[in-house]
Amino acid sequence: MRNVLNIKDLNIHFGENCCQDVVIKGQIAKVFSAVLTFEALRCPNCGMENQQSIVKNGTKKSRIVLPEVSGYPAFLDLNKQRFLCRECSSTFSAQTNIVEKNCFISRATKVSIALYARKTI
């Protein structure tokens, strides 16, 4: 599945039956489900590197817009791992390189939009 969607991040894991056809805004779309998890090495807030201080703290679901797949709109329902730093009591989410921080449009989608705009100009 990672090859089909051109996702290079090895921390994203797809399960069985990870693709569904769903109606979104009156249109059939392909929705892929995956989990993003890894062991956090340090807290981005305080910089603590102690593994016992950083614990997993649930997940956060994000729906990321992907380029079209077989002519259908495509989305990735990504369950991002949440972490809690016991030293500074801050929480943070796992990050991936397929989207920028606090964004839901994938970098590949932005590139395909730019290429399409270039062709029309």
PDB file of N, CA and C in Angstrom:
ATOM      1  N   MET A   1       0.831  -1.191   0.000  1.00  0.00           N
ATOM      2  CA  MET A   1       0.000   0.000   0.000  1.00  0.00           C
ATOM      3  C   MET A   1       0.872   1.250   0.000  1.00  0.00           C
ATOM      4  N   ARG A   2       1.999   1.163   0.703  1.00  0.00           N
ATOM      5  CA  ARG A   2       2.904   2.303   0.765  1.00  0.00           C
ATOM      6  C   ARG A   2       3.413   2.669  -0.629  1.00  0.00           C
ATOM      7  N   ASN A   3       3.677   1.662  -1.471  1.00  0.00           N
ATOM      8  CA  ASN A   3       4.152   1.917  -2.828  1.00  0.00           C
ATOM      9  C   ASN A   3       3.066   2.526  -3.703  1.00  0.00           C
ATOM     10  N   VAL A   4       1.839   2.071  -3.559  1.00  0.00           N
ATOM     11  CA  VAL A   4       0.727   2.585  -4.363  1.00  0.00           C
ATOM     12  C   VAL A   4       0.514   4.071  -4.083  1.00  0.00           C
ATOM     13  N   LEU A   5       0.592   4.466  -2.821  1.00  0.00           N
ATOM     14  CA  LEU A   5       0.369   5.853  -2.427  1.00  0.00           C
ATOM     15  C   LEU A   5       1.644   6.696  -2.456  1.00  0.00           C
ATOM     16  N   ASN A   6       2.783   6.061  -2.781  1.00  0.00           N
ATOM     17  CA  ASN A   6       4.082   6.733  -2.853  1.00  0.00           C
ATOM     18  C   ASN A   6       4.449   7.388  -1.511  1.00  0.00           C
ATOM     19  N   ILE A   7       4.286   6.623  -0.433  1.00  0.00           N
ATOM     20  CA  ILE A   7       4.625   7.080   0.914  1.00  0.00           C
ATOM     21  C   ILE A   7       5.932   6.413   1.328  1.00  0.00           C
ATOM     22  N   LYS A   8       6.927   7.227   1.646  1.00  0.00           N
ATOM     23  CA  LYS A   8       8.255   6.714   1.992  1.00  0.00           C
ATOM     24  C   LYS A   8       8.468   6.517   3.488  1.00  0.00           C
ATOM     25  N   ASP A   9       7.623   7.106   4.330  1.00  0.00           N
ATOM     26  CA  ASP A   9       7.787   7.053   5.783  1.00  0.00           C
ATOM     27  C   ASP A   9       7.528   5.627   6.287  1.00  0.00           C
ATOM     28  N   LEU A  10       8.541   5.002   6.878  1.00  0.00           N
ATOM     29  CA  LEU A  10       8.421   3.630   7.367  1.00  0.00           C
ATOM     30  C   LEU A  10       7.682   3.543   8.698  1.00  0.00           C
ATOM     31  N   ASN A  11       7.400   4.679   9.338  1.00  0.00           N
ATOM     32  CA  ASN A  11       6.669   4.684  10.603  1.00  0.00           C
ATOM     33  C   ASN A  11       5.159   4.624  10.395  1.00  0.00           C
ATOM     34  N   ILE A  12       4.704   4.711   9.144  1.00  0.00           N
ATOM     35  CA  ILE A  12       3.277   4.613   8.829  1.00  0.00           C
ATOM     36  C   ILE A  12       2.970   3.162   8.520  1.00  0.00           C
ATOM     37  N   HIS A  13       2.015   2.598   9.267  1.00  0.00           N
ATOM     38  CA  HIS A  13       1.672   1.190   9.134  1.00  0.00           C
ATOM     39  C   HIS A  13       0.224   1.036   8.681  1.00  0.00           C
ATOM     40  N   PHE A  14       0.020   0.255   7.613  1.00  0.00           N
ATOM     41  CA  PHE A  14      -1.311  -0.026   7.093  1.00  0.00           C
ATOM     42  C   PHE A  14      -1.757  -1.392   7.598  1.00  0.00           C
ATOM     43  N   GLY A  15      -3.005  -1.512   7.982  1.00  0.00           N
ATOM     44  CA  GLY A  15      -3.546  -2.773   8.463  1.00  0.00           C
ATOM     45  C   GLY A  15      -4.283  -3.507   7.351  1.00  0.00           C
ATOM     46  N   GLU A  16      -4.967  -4.574   7.726  1.00  0.00           N
ATOM     47  CA  GLU A  16      -5.807  -5.304   6.787  1.00  0.00           C
ATOM     48  C   GLU A  16      -7.034  -4.462   6.463  1.00  0.00           C
ATOM     49  N   ASN A  17      -7.549  -4.599   5.247  1.00  0.00           N
ATOM     50  CA  ASN A  17      -8.730  -3.846   4.797  1.00  0.00           C
ATOM     51  C   ASN A  17      -8.563  -2.352   5.047  1.00  0.00           C
ATOM     52  N   CYS A  18      -7.435  -1.816   4.624  1.00  0.00           N
ATOM     53  CA  CYS A  18      -7.133  -0.418   4.904  1.00  0.00           C
ATOM     54  C   CYS A  18      -7.733   0.541   3.880  1.00  0.00           C
ATOM     55  N   CYS A  19      -8.359   0.038   2.818  1.00  0.00           N
ATOM     56  CA  CYS A  19      -8.942   0.899   1.797  1.00  0.00           C
ATOM     57  C   CYS A  19     -10.453   0.709   1.764  1.00  0.00           C
ATOM     58  N   GLN A  20     -11.175   1.833   1.770  1.00  0.00           N
ATOM     59  CA  GLN A  20     -12.633   1.796   1.706  1.00  0.00           C
ATOM     60  C   GLN A  20     -13.119   2.831   0.704  1.00  0.00           C
ATOM     61  N   ASP A  21     -14.263   2.535   0.071  1.00  0.00           N
ATOM     62  CA  ASP A  21     -14.941   3.518  -0.751  1.00  0.00           C
ATOM     63  C   ASP A  21     -15.977   4.207   0.121  1.00  0.00           C
ATOM     64  N   VAL A  22     -15.864   5.536   0.235  1.00  0.00           N
ATOM     65  CA  VAL A  22     -16.726   6.321   1.112  1.00  0.00           C
ATOM     66  C   VAL A  22     -17.290   7.483   0.304  1.00  0.00           C
ATOM     67  N   VAL A  23     -18.537   7.865   0.596  1.00  0.00           N
ATOM     68  CA  VAL A  23     -19.132   9.027  -0.044  1.00  0.00           C
ATOM     69  C   VAL A  23     -18.788  10.260   0.786  1.00  0.00           C
ATOM     70  N   ILE A  24     -18.061  11.198   0.178  1.00  0.00           N
ATOM     71  CA  ILE A  24     -17.670  12.445   0.832  1.00  0.00           C
ATOM     72  C   ILE A  24     -18.166  13.596  -0.038  1.00  0.00           C
ATOM     73  N   LYS A  25     -19.027  14.419   0.541  1.00  0.00           N
ATOM     74  CA  LYS A  25     -19.623  15.560  -0.165  1.00  0.00           C
ATOM     75  C   LYS A  25     -20.283  15.118  -1.465  1.00  0.00           C
ATOM     76  N   GLY A  26     -21.004  13.997  -1.419  1.00  0.00           N
ATOM     77  CA  GLY A  26     -21.759  13.511  -2.563  1.00  0.00           C
ATOM     78  C   GLY A  26     -20.928  12.848  -3.641  1.00  0.00           C
ATOM     79  N   GLN A  27     -19.669  12.546  -3.367  1.00  0.00           N
ATOM     80  CA  GLN A  27     -18.780  11.958  -4.351  1.00  0.00           C
ATOM     81  C   GLN A  27     -18.067  10.750  -3.737  1.00  0.00           C
ATOM     82  N   ILE A  28     -17.930   9.686  -4.530  1.00  0.00           N
ATOM     83  CA  ILE A  28     -17.236   8.496  -4.039  1.00  0.00           C
ATOM     84  C   ILE A  28     -15.739   8.796  -3.965  1.00  0.00           C
ATOM     85  N   ALA A  29     -15.132   8.451  -2.837  1.00  0.00           N
ATOM     86  CA  ALA A  29     -13.707   8.692  -2.624  1.00  0.00           C
ATOM     87  C   ALA A  29     -13.054   7.450  -2.028  1.00  0.00           C
ATOM     88  N   LYS A  30     -11.770   7.303  -2.260  1.00  0.00           N
ATOM     89  CA  LYS A  30     -10.969   6.229  -1.667  1.00  0.00           C
ATOM     90  C   LYS A  30     -10.383   6.751  -0.359  1.00  0.00           C
ATOM     91  N   VAL A  31     -10.648   6.036   0.733  1.00  0.00           N
ATOM     92  CA  VAL A  31     -10.118   6.422   2.037  1.00  0.00           C
ATOM     93  C   VAL A  31      -9.235   5.290   2.542  1.00  0.00           C
ATOM     94  N   PHE A  32      -7.978   5.612   2.812  1.00  0.00           N
ATOM     95  CA  PHE A  32      -7.003   4.645   3.309  1.00  0.00           C
ATOM     96  C   PHE A  32      -6.781   4.914   4.791  1.00  0.00           C
ATOM     97  N   SER A  33      -6.675   3.854   5.588  1.00  0.00           N
ATOM     98  CA  SER A  33      -6.475   3.984   7.032  1.00  0.00           C
ATOM     99  C   SER A  33      -5.078   3.499   7.402  1.00  0.00           C
ATOM    100  N   ALA A  34      -4.406   4.262   8.257  1.00  0.00           N
ATOM    101  CA  ALA A  34      -3.058   3.895   8.686  1.00  0.00           C
ATOM    102  C   ALA A  34      -2.792   4.463  10.075  1.00  0.00           C
ATOM    103  N   VAL A  35      -1.705   3.998  10.671  1.00  0.00           N
ATOM    104  CA  VAL A  35      -1.284   4.445  12.002  1.00  0.00           C
ATOM    105  C   VAL A  35       0.146   4.947  11.897  1.00  0.00           C
ATOM    106  N   LEU A  36       0.403   6.110  12.488  1.00  0.00           N
ATOM    107  CA  LEU A  36       1.747   6.672  12.564  1.00  0.00           C
ATOM    108  C   LEU A  36       2.203   6.586  14.006  1.00  0.00           C
ATOM    109  N   THR A  37       3.214   5.764  14.265  1.00  0.00           N
ATOM    110  CA  THR A  37       3.735   5.619  15.620  1.00  0.00           C
ATOM    111  C   THR A  37       5.225   5.308  15.580  1.00  0.00           C
ATOM    112  N   PHE A  38       5.914   5.743  16.610  1.00  0.00           N
ATOM    113  CA  PHE A  38       7.331   5.453  16.800  1.00  0.00           C
ATOM    114  C   PHE A  38       7.692   5.792  18.233  1.00  0.00           C
ATOM    115  N   GLU A  39       8.906   5.515  18.642  1.00  0.00           N
ATOM    116  CA  GLU A  39       9.372   5.857  19.971  1.00  0.00           C
ATOM    117  C   GLU A  39       9.948   7.269  19.933  1.00  0.00           C
ATOM    118  N   ALA A  40       9.373   8.172  20.699  1.00  0.00           N
ATOM    119  CA  ALA A  40       9.854   9.554  20.729  1.00  0.00           C
ATOM    120  C   ALA A  40      11.187   9.611  21.467  1.00  0.00           C
ATOM    121  N   LEU A  41      12.163  10.297  20.886  1.00  0.00           N
ATOM    122  CA  LEU A  41      13.494  10.382  21.479  1.00  0.00           C
ATOM    123  C   LEU A  41      13.642  11.547  22.442  1.00  0.00           C
ATOM    124  N   ARG A  42      12.925  12.646  22.176  1.00  0.00           N
ATOM    125  CA  ARG A  42      13.035  13.819  23.037  1.00  0.00           C
ATOM    126  C   ARG A  42      11.771  14.642  22.970  1.00  0.00           C
ATOM    127  N   CYS A  43      11.554  15.412  24.007  1.00  0.00           N
ATOM    128  CA  CYS A  43      10.400  16.316  24.088  1.00  0.00           C
ATOM    129  C   CYS A  43      10.721  17.583  23.295  1.00  0.00           C
ATOM    130  N   PRO A  44       9.854  18.001  22.364  1.00  0.00           N
ATOM    131  CA  PRO A  44      10.134  19.229  21.609  1.00  0.00           C
ATOM    132  C   PRO A  44       9.978  20.491  22.463  1.00  0.00           C
ATOM    133  N   ASN A  45       9.305  20.394  23.606  1.00  0.00           N
ATOM    134  CA  ASN A  45       9.093  21.565  24.463  1.00  0.00           C
ATOM    135  C   ASN A  45      10.286  21.820  25.394  1.00  0.00           C
ATOM    136  N   CYS A  46      10.673  20.809  26.165  1.00  0.00           N
ATOM    137  CA  CYS A  46      11.748  21.008  27.148  1.00  0.00           C
ATOM    138  C   CYS A  46      13.067  20.368  26.730  1.00  0.00           C
ATOM    139  N   GLY A  47      13.063  19.502  25.722  1.00  0.00           N
ATOM    140  CA  GLY A  47      14.287  18.868  25.248  1.00  0.00           C
ATOM    141  C   GLY A  47      14.710  17.646  26.043  1.00  0.00           C
ATOM    142  N   MET A  48      13.881  17.173  26.957  1.00  0.00           N
ATOM    143  CA  MET A  48      14.207  16.008  27.786  1.00  0.00           C
ATOM    144  C   MET A  48      14.385  14.775  26.890  1.00  0.00           C
ATOM    145  N   GLU A  49      15.483  14.031  27.114  1.00  0.00           N
ATOM    146  CA  GLU A  49      15.780  12.849  26.314  1.00  0.00           C
ATOM    147  C   GLU A  49      15.553  11.544  27.066  1.00  0.00           C
ATOM    148  N   ASN A  50      15.045  11.594  28.250  1.00  0.00           N
ATOM    149  CA  ASN A  50      14.824  10.408  29.067  1.00  0.00           C
ATOM    150  C   ASN A  50      13.628   9.618  28.537  1.00  0.00           C
ATOM    151  N   GLN A  51      13.836   8.365  28.187  1.00  0.00           N
ATOM    152  CA  GLN A  51      12.763   7.538  27.619  1.00  0.00           C
ATOM    153  C   GLN A  51      11.645   7.278  28.626  1.00  0.00           C
ATOM    154  N   GLN A  52      11.943   7.238  29.920  1.00  0.00           N
ATOM    155  CA  GLN A  52      10.916   7.001  30.921  1.00  0.00           C
ATOM    156  C   GLN A  52      10.034   8.233  31.115  1.00  0.00           C
ATOM    157  N   SER A  53      10.517   9.418  30.736  1.00  0.00           N
ATOM    158  CA  SER A  53       9.747  10.647  30.905  1.00  0.00           C
ATOM    159  C   SER A  53       8.723  10.856  29.795  1.00  0.00           C
ATOM    160  N   ILE A  54       8.947  10.256  28.632  1.00  0.00           N
ATOM    161  CA  ILE A  54       8.041  10.430  27.497  1.00  0.00           C
ATOM    162  C   ILE A  54       7.236   9.149  27.322  1.00  0.00           C
ATOM    163  N   VAL A  55       5.910   9.261  27.470  1.00  0.00           N
ATOM    164  CA  VAL A  55       5.040   8.090  27.379  1.00  0.00           C
ATOM    165  C   VAL A  55       3.982   8.320  26.304  1.00  0.00           C
ATOM    166  N   LYS A  56       3.480   7.215  25.760  1.00  0.00           N
ATOM    167  CA  LYS A  56       2.413   7.297  24.764  1.00  0.00           C
ATOM    168  C   LYS A  56       1.129   7.739  25.454  1.00  0.00           C
ATOM    169  N   ASN A  57       0.354   8.577  24.749  1.00  0.00           N
ATOM    170  CA  ASN A  57      -0.823   9.183  25.367  1.00  0.00           C
ATOM    171  C   ASN A  57      -1.987   9.223  24.371  1.00  0.00           C
ATOM    172  N   GLY A  58      -2.358   8.082  23.817  1.00  0.00           N
ATOM    173  CA  GLY A  58      -3.490   8.006  22.901  1.00  0.00           C
ATOM    174  C   GLY A  58      -3.105   8.359  21.477  1.00  0.00           C
ATOM    175  N   THR A  59      -4.115   8.591  20.637  1.00  0.00           N
ATOM    176  CA  THR A  59      -3.900   8.936  19.246  1.00  0.00           C
ATOM    177  C   THR A  59      -4.785  10.105  18.843  1.00  0.00           C
ATOM    178  N   LYS A  60      -4.432  10.717  17.735  1.00  0.00           N
ATOM    179  CA  LYS A  60      -5.217  11.801  17.156  1.00  0.00           C
ATOM    180  C   LYS A  60      -5.437  11.464  15.687  1.00  0.00           C
ATOM    181  N   LYS A  61      -6.689  11.496  15.246  1.00  0.00           N
ATOM    182  CA  LYS A  61      -7.007  11.136  13.872  1.00  0.00           C
ATOM    183  C   LYS A  61      -6.969  12.366  12.975  1.00  0.00           C
ATOM    184  N   SER A  62      -6.258  12.249  11.859  1.00  0.00           N
ATOM    185  CA  SER A  62      -6.162  13.318  10.870  1.00  0.00           C
ATOM    186  C   SER A  62      -6.568  12.755   9.515  1.00  0.00           C
ATOM    187  N   ARG A  63      -7.359  13.507   8.757  1.00  0.00           N
ATOM    188  CA  ARG A  63      -7.713  13.108   7.393  1.00  0.00           C
ATOM    189  C   ARG A  63      -6.892  13.959   6.438  1.00  0.00           C
ATOM    190  N   ILE A  64      -5.967  13.315   5.745  1.00  0.00           N
ATOM    191  CA  ILE A  64      -5.018  13.990   4.872  1.00  0.00           C
ATOM    192  C   ILE A  64      -5.462  13.814   3.423  1.00  0.00           C
ATOM    193  N   VAL A  65      -5.446  14.909   2.669  1.00  0.00           N
ATOM    194  CA  VAL A  65      -5.819  14.878   1.259  1.00  0.00           C
ATOM    195  C   VAL A  65      -4.631  14.373   0.452  1.00  0.00           C
ATOM    196  N   LEU A  66      -4.875  13.336  -0.361  1.00  0.00           N
ATOM    197  CA  LEU A  66      -3.854  12.754  -1.226  1.00  0.00           C
ATOM    198  C   LEU A  66      -4.193  13.034  -2.686  1.00  0.00           C
ATOM    199  N   PRO A  67      -3.224  12.858  -3.600  1.00  0.00           N
ATOM    200  CA  PRO A  67      -3.556  12.961  -5.023  1.00  0.00           C
ATOM    201  C   PRO A  67      -4.555  11.872  -5.416  1.00  0.00           C
ATOM    202  N   GLU A  68      -5.268  12.089  -6.517  1.00  0.00           N
ATOM    203  CA  GLU A  68      -6.286  11.134  -6.963  1.00  0.00           C
ATOM    204  C   GLU A  68      -5.691   9.755  -7.195  1.00  0.00           C
ATOM    205  N   VAL A  69      -6.505   8.729  -6.903  1.00  0.00           N
ATOM    206  CA  VAL A  69      -6.128   7.337  -7.137  1.00  0.00           C
ATOM    207  C   VAL A  69      -7.174   6.741  -8.061  1.00  0.00           C
ATOM    208  N   SER A  70      -6.773   6.325  -9.244  1.00  0.00           N
ATOM    209  CA  SER A  70      -7.669   5.733 -10.250  1.00  0.00           C
ATOM    210  C   SER A  70      -8.846   6.651 -10.574  1.00  0.00           C
ATOM    211  N   GLY A  71      -8.609   7.939 -10.594  1.00  0.00           N
ATOM    212  CA  GLY A  71      -9.643   8.902 -10.932  1.00  0.00           C
ATOM    213  C   GLY A  71     -10.576   9.265  -9.798  1.00  0.00           C
ATOM    214  N   TYR A  72     -10.345   8.731  -8.619  1.00  0.00           N
ATOM    215  CA  TYR A  72     -11.165   9.042  -7.441  1.00  0.00           C
ATOM    216  C   TYR A  72     -10.395   9.939  -6.487  1.00  0.00           C
ATOM    217  N   PRO A  73     -11.081  10.852  -5.802  1.00  0.00           N
ATOM    218  CA  PRO A  73     -10.399  11.598  -4.737  1.00  0.00           C
ATOM    219  C   PRO A  73      -9.893  10.622  -3.678  1.00  0.00           C
ATOM    220  N   ALA A  74      -8.741  10.917  -3.100  1.00  0.00           N
ATOM    221  CA  ALA A  74      -8.145   9.996  -2.127  1.00  0.00           C
ATOM    222  C   ALA A  74      -7.816  10.730  -0.841  1.00  0.00           C
ATOM    223  N   PHE A  75      -8.018  10.032   0.269  1.00  0.00           N
ATOM    224  CA  PHE A  75      -7.744  10.572   1.597  1.00  0.00           C
ATOM    225  C   PHE A  75      -7.022   9.516   2.415  1.00  0.00           C
ATOM    226  N   LEU A  76      -6.225   9.969   3.361  1.00  0.00           N
ATOM    227  CA  LEU A  76      -5.533   9.080   4.289  1.00  0.00           C
ATOM    228  C   LEU A  76      -6.002   9.425   5.699  1.00  0.00           C
ATOM    229  N   ASP A  77      -6.728   8.497   6.328  1.00  0.00           N
ATOM    230  CA  ASP A  77      -7.111   8.652   7.730  1.00  0.00           C
ATOM    231  C   ASP A  77      -5.937   8.149   8.562  1.00  0.00           C
ATOM    232  N   LEU A  78      -5.158   9.081   9.078  1.00  0.00           N
ATOM    233  CA  LEU A  78      -3.926   8.752   9.780  1.00  0.00           C
ATOM    234  C   LEU A  78      -4.108   8.952  11.271  1.00  0.00           C
ATOM    235  N   ASN A  79      -3.971   7.877  12.032  1.00  0.00           N
ATOM    236  CA  ASN A  79      -4.020   7.949  13.493  1.00  0.00           C
ATOM    237  C   ASN A  79      -2.609   8.226  13.983  1.00  0.00           C
ATOM    238  N   LYS A  80      -2.375   9.483  14.392  1.00  0.00           N
ATOM    239  CA  LYS A  80      -1.054   9.900  14.851  1.00  0.00           C
ATOM    240  C   LYS A  80      -0.924   9.636  16.348  1.00  0.00           C
ATOM    241  N   GLN A  81       0.198   9.048  16.730  1.00  0.00           N
ATOM    242  CA  GLN A  81       0.480   8.774  18.135  1.00  0.00           C
ATOM    243  C   GLN A  81       0.682  10.073  18.897  1.00  0.00           C
ATOM    244  N   ARG A  82       0.047  10.208  20.072  1.00  0.00           N
ATOM    245  CA  ARG A  82       0.238  11.355  20.957  1.00  0.00           C
ATOM    246  C   ARG A  82       1.202  10.934  22.065  1.00  0.00           C
ATOM    247  N   PHE A  83       2.009  11.873  22.525  1.00  0.00           N
ATOM    248  CA  PHE A  83       2.969  11.615  23.587  1.00  0.00           C
ATOM    249  C   PHE A  83       2.786  12.627  24.706  1.00  0.00           C
ATOM    250  N   LEU A  84       3.145  12.228  25.917  1.00  0.00           N
ATOM    251  CA  LEU A  84       3.113  13.089  27.091  1.00  0.00           C
ATOM    252  C   LEU A  84       4.503  13.097  27.718  1.00  0.00           C
ATOM    253  N   CYS A  85       5.021  14.295  27.955  1.00  0.00           N
ATOM    254  CA  CYS A  85       6.297  14.444  28.656  1.00  0.00           C
ATOM    255  C   CYS A  85       5.978  14.642  30.134  1.00  0.00           C
ATOM    256  N   ARG A  86       6.455  13.745  30.969  1.00  0.00           N
ATOM    257  CA  ARG A  86       6.181  13.832  32.407  1.00  0.00           C
ATOM    258  C   ARG A  86       7.000  14.919  33.092  1.00  0.00           C
ATOM    259  N   GLU A  87       8.060  15.368  32.444  1.00  0.00           N
ATOM    260  CA  GLU A  87       8.903  16.404  33.042  1.00  0.00           C
ATOM    261  C   GLU A  87       8.234  17.779  32.975  1.00  0.00           C
ATOM    262  N   CYS A  88       7.698  18.133  31.801  1.00  0.00           N
ATOM    263  CA  CYS A  88       7.115  19.479  31.637  1.00  0.00           C
ATOM    264  C   CYS A  88       5.598  19.426  31.439  1.00  0.00           C
ATOM    265  N   SER A  89       5.004  18.243  31.483  1.00  0.00           N
ATOM    266  CA  SER A  89       3.552  18.031  31.344  1.00  0.00           C
ATOM    267  C   SER A  89       2.994  18.542  30.019  1.00  0.00           C
ATOM    268  N   SER A  90       3.801  18.536  28.970  1.00  0.00           N
ATOM    269  CA  SER A  90       3.305  18.946  27.653  1.00  0.00           C
ATOM    270  C   SER A  90       3.016  17.707  26.813  1.00  0.00           C
ATOM    271  N   THR A  91       2.136  17.878  25.833  1.00  0.00           N
ATOM    272  CA  THR A  91       1.817  16.787  24.914  1.00  0.00           C
ATOM    273  C   THR A  91       2.211  17.198  23.507  1.00  0.00           C
ATOM    274  N   PHE A  92       2.512  16.196  22.683  1.00  0.00           N
ATOM    275  CA  PHE A  92       2.853  16.459  21.293  1.00  0.00           C
ATOM    276  C   PHE A  92       2.497  15.224  20.473  1.00  0.00           C
ATOM    277  N   SER A  93       2.354  15.432  19.158  1.00  0.00           N
ATOM    278  CA  SER A  93       1.961  14.363  18.237  1.00  0.00           C
ATOM    279  C   SER A  93       3.151  13.915  17.409  1.00  0.00           C
ATOM    280  N   ALA A  94       3.062  12.685  16.920  1.00  0.00           N
ATOM    281  CA  ALA A  94       4.061  12.178  15.985  1.00  0.00           C
ATOM    282  C   ALA A  94       3.947  12.956  14.682  1.00  0.00           C
ATOM    283  N   GLN A  95       5.071  13.234  14.042  1.00  0.00           N
ATOM    284  CA  GLN A  95       5.112  13.987  12.793  1.00  0.00           C
ATOM    285  C   GLN A  95       5.603  13.094  11.664  1.00  0.00           C
ATOM    286  N   THR A  96       5.167  13.407  10.459  1.00  0.00           N
ATOM    287  CA  THR A  96       5.604  12.680   9.275  1.00  0.00           C
ATOM    288  C   THR A  96       5.976  13.671   8.189  1.00  0.00           C
ATOM    289  N   ASN A  97       6.755  13.207   7.222  1.00  0.00           N
ATOM    290  CA  ASN A  97       7.193  14.101   6.162  1.00  0.00           C
ATOM    291  C   ASN A  97       6.206  14.180   4.993  1.00  0.00           C
ATOM    292  N   ILE A  98       5.093  13.459   5.031  1.00  0.00           N
ATOM    293  CA  ILE A  98       4.137  13.551   3.920  1.00  0.00           C
ATOM    294  C   ILE A  98       3.274  14.802   4.015  1.00  0.00           C
ATOM    295  N   VAL A  99       3.174  15.396   5.208  1.00  0.00           N
ATOM    296  CA  VAL A  99       2.449  16.660   5.385  1.00  0.00           C
ATOM    297  C   VAL A  99       3.280  17.589   6.255  1.00  0.00           C
ATOM    298  N   GLU A 100       3.055  18.891   6.063  1.00  0.00           N
ATOM    299  CA  GLU A 100       3.697  19.862   6.930  1.00  0.00           C
ATOM    300  C   GLU A 100       2.966  19.894   8.264  1.00  0.00           C
ATOM    301  N   LYS A 101       3.604  20.439   9.281  1.00  0.00           N
ATOM    302  CA  LYS A 101       2.996  20.520  10.600  1.00  0.00           C
ATOM    303  C   LYS A 101       1.743  21.399  10.533  1.00  0.00           C
ATOM    304  N   ASN A 102       0.678  20.963  11.195  1.00  0.00           N
ATOM    305  CA  ASN A 102      -0.611  21.667  11.247  1.00  0.00           C
ATOM    306  C   ASN A 102      -1.247  21.855   9.871  1.00  0.00           C
ATOM    307  N   CYS A 103      -1.031  20.915   8.966  1.00  0.00           N
ATOM    308  CA  CYS A 103      -1.597  20.980   7.618  1.00  0.00           C
ATOM    309  C   CYS A 103      -2.260  19.645   7.307  1.00  0.00           C
ATOM    310  N   PHE A 104      -3.286  19.634   6.465  1.00  0.00           N
ATOM    311  CA  PHE A 104      -3.954  18.393   6.108  1.00  0.00           C
ATOM    312  C   PHE A 104      -3.869  18.094   4.615  1.00  0.00           C
ATOM    313  N   ILE A 105      -3.161  18.910   3.847  1.00  0.00           N
ATOM    314  CA  ILE A 105      -2.957  18.665   2.422  1.00  0.00           C
ATOM    315  C   ILE A 105      -1.544  18.121   2.247  1.00  0.00           C
ATOM    316  N   SER A 106      -1.429  16.951   1.634  1.00  0.00           N
ATOM    317  CA  SER A 106      -0.113  16.325   1.501  1.00  0.00           C
ATOM    318  C   SER A 106       0.771  17.118   0.548  1.00  0.00           C
ATOM    319  N   ARG A 107       2.066  16.938   0.711  1.00  0.00           N
ATOM    320  CA  ARG A 107       3.026  17.628  -0.160  1.00  0.00           C
ATOM    321  C   ARG A 107       2.864  17.163  -1.604  1.00  0.00           C
ATOM    322  N   ALA A 108       2.548  15.882  -1.816  1.00  0.00           N
ATOM    323  CA  ALA A 108       2.349  15.355  -3.168  1.00  0.00           C
ATOM    324  C   ALA A 108       1.146  16.015  -3.837  1.00  0.00           C
ATOM    325  N   THR A 109       0.099  16.304  -3.076  1.00  0.00           N
ATOM    326  CA  THR A 109      -1.073  16.985  -3.626  1.00  0.00           C
ATOM    327  C   THR A 109      -0.718  18.403  -4.034  1.00  0.00           C
ATOM    328  N   LYS A 110       0.062  19.090  -3.218  1.00  0.00           N
ATOM    329  CA  LYS A 110       0.481  20.452  -3.547  1.00  0.00           C
ATOM    330  C   LYS A 110       1.316  20.470  -4.822  1.00  0.00           C
ATOM    331  N   VAL A 111       2.188  19.472  -5.001  1.00  0.00           N
ATOM    332  CA  VAL A 111       3.006  19.390  -6.210  1.00  0.00           C
ATOM    333  C   VAL A 111       2.131  19.119  -7.426  1.00  0.00           C
ATOM    334  N   SER A 112       1.158  18.206  -7.295  1.00  0.00           N
ATOM    335  CA  SER A 112       0.291  17.902  -8.438  1.00  0.00           C
ATOM    336  C   SER A 112      -0.568  19.106  -8.819  1.00  0.00           C
ATOM    337  N   ILE A 113      -1.000  19.909  -7.849  1.00  0.00           N
ATOM    338  CA  ILE A 113      -1.756  21.129  -8.144  1.00  0.00           C
ATOM    339  C   ILE A 113      -0.871  22.123  -8.898  1.00  0.00           C
ATOM    340  N   ALA A 114       0.365  22.268  -8.468  1.00  0.00           N
ATOM    341  CA  ALA A 114       1.287  23.188  -9.140  1.00  0.00           C
ATOM    342  C   ALA A 114       1.562  22.735 -10.575  1.00  0.00           C
ATOM    343  N   LEU A 115       1.726  21.434 -10.795  1.00  0.00           N
ATOM    344  CA  LEU A 115       1.963  20.927 -12.141  1.00  0.00           C
ATOM    345  C   LEU A 115       0.737  21.126 -13.026  1.00  0.00           C
ATOM    346  N   TYR A 116      -0.452  20.904 -12.479  1.00  0.00           N
ATOM    347  CA  TYR A 116      -1.676  21.119 -13.233  1.00  0.00           C
ATOM    348  C   TYR A 116      -1.857  22.592 -13.595  1.00  0.00           C
ATOM    349  N   ALA A 117      -1.537  23.471 -12.667  1.00  0.00           N
ATOM    350  CA  ALA A 117      -1.639  24.909 -12.919  1.00  0.00           C
ATOM    351  C   ALA A 117      -0.631  25.341 -13.982  1.00  0.00           C
ATOM    352  N   ARG A 118       0.534  24.744 -13.964  1.00  0.00           N
ATOM    353  CA  ARG A 118       1.554  25.065 -14.960  1.00  0.00           C
ATOM    354  C   ARG A 118       1.123  24.662 -16.362  1.00  0.00           C
ATOM    355  N   LYS A 119       0.440  23.505 -16.470  1.00  0.00           N
ATOM    356  CA  LYS A 119      -0.028  23.050 -17.779  1.00  0.00           C
ATOM    357  C   LYS A 119      -1.118  23.959 -18.326  1.00  0.00           C
ATOM    358  N   THR A 120      -2.011  24.451 -17.461  1.00  0.00           N
ATOM    359  CA  THR A 120      -3.116  25.277 -17.933  1.00  0.00           C
ATOM    360  C   THR A 120      -2.658  26.686 -18.306  1.00  0.00           C
ATOM    361  N   ILE A 121      -1.551  27.142 -17.736  1.00  0.00           N
ATOM    362  CA  ILE A 121      -1.043  28.477 -18.061  1.00  0.00           C
ATOM    363  C   ILE A 121      -0.293  28.370 -19.349  1.00  0.00           C
TER     364      ILE A 121
END
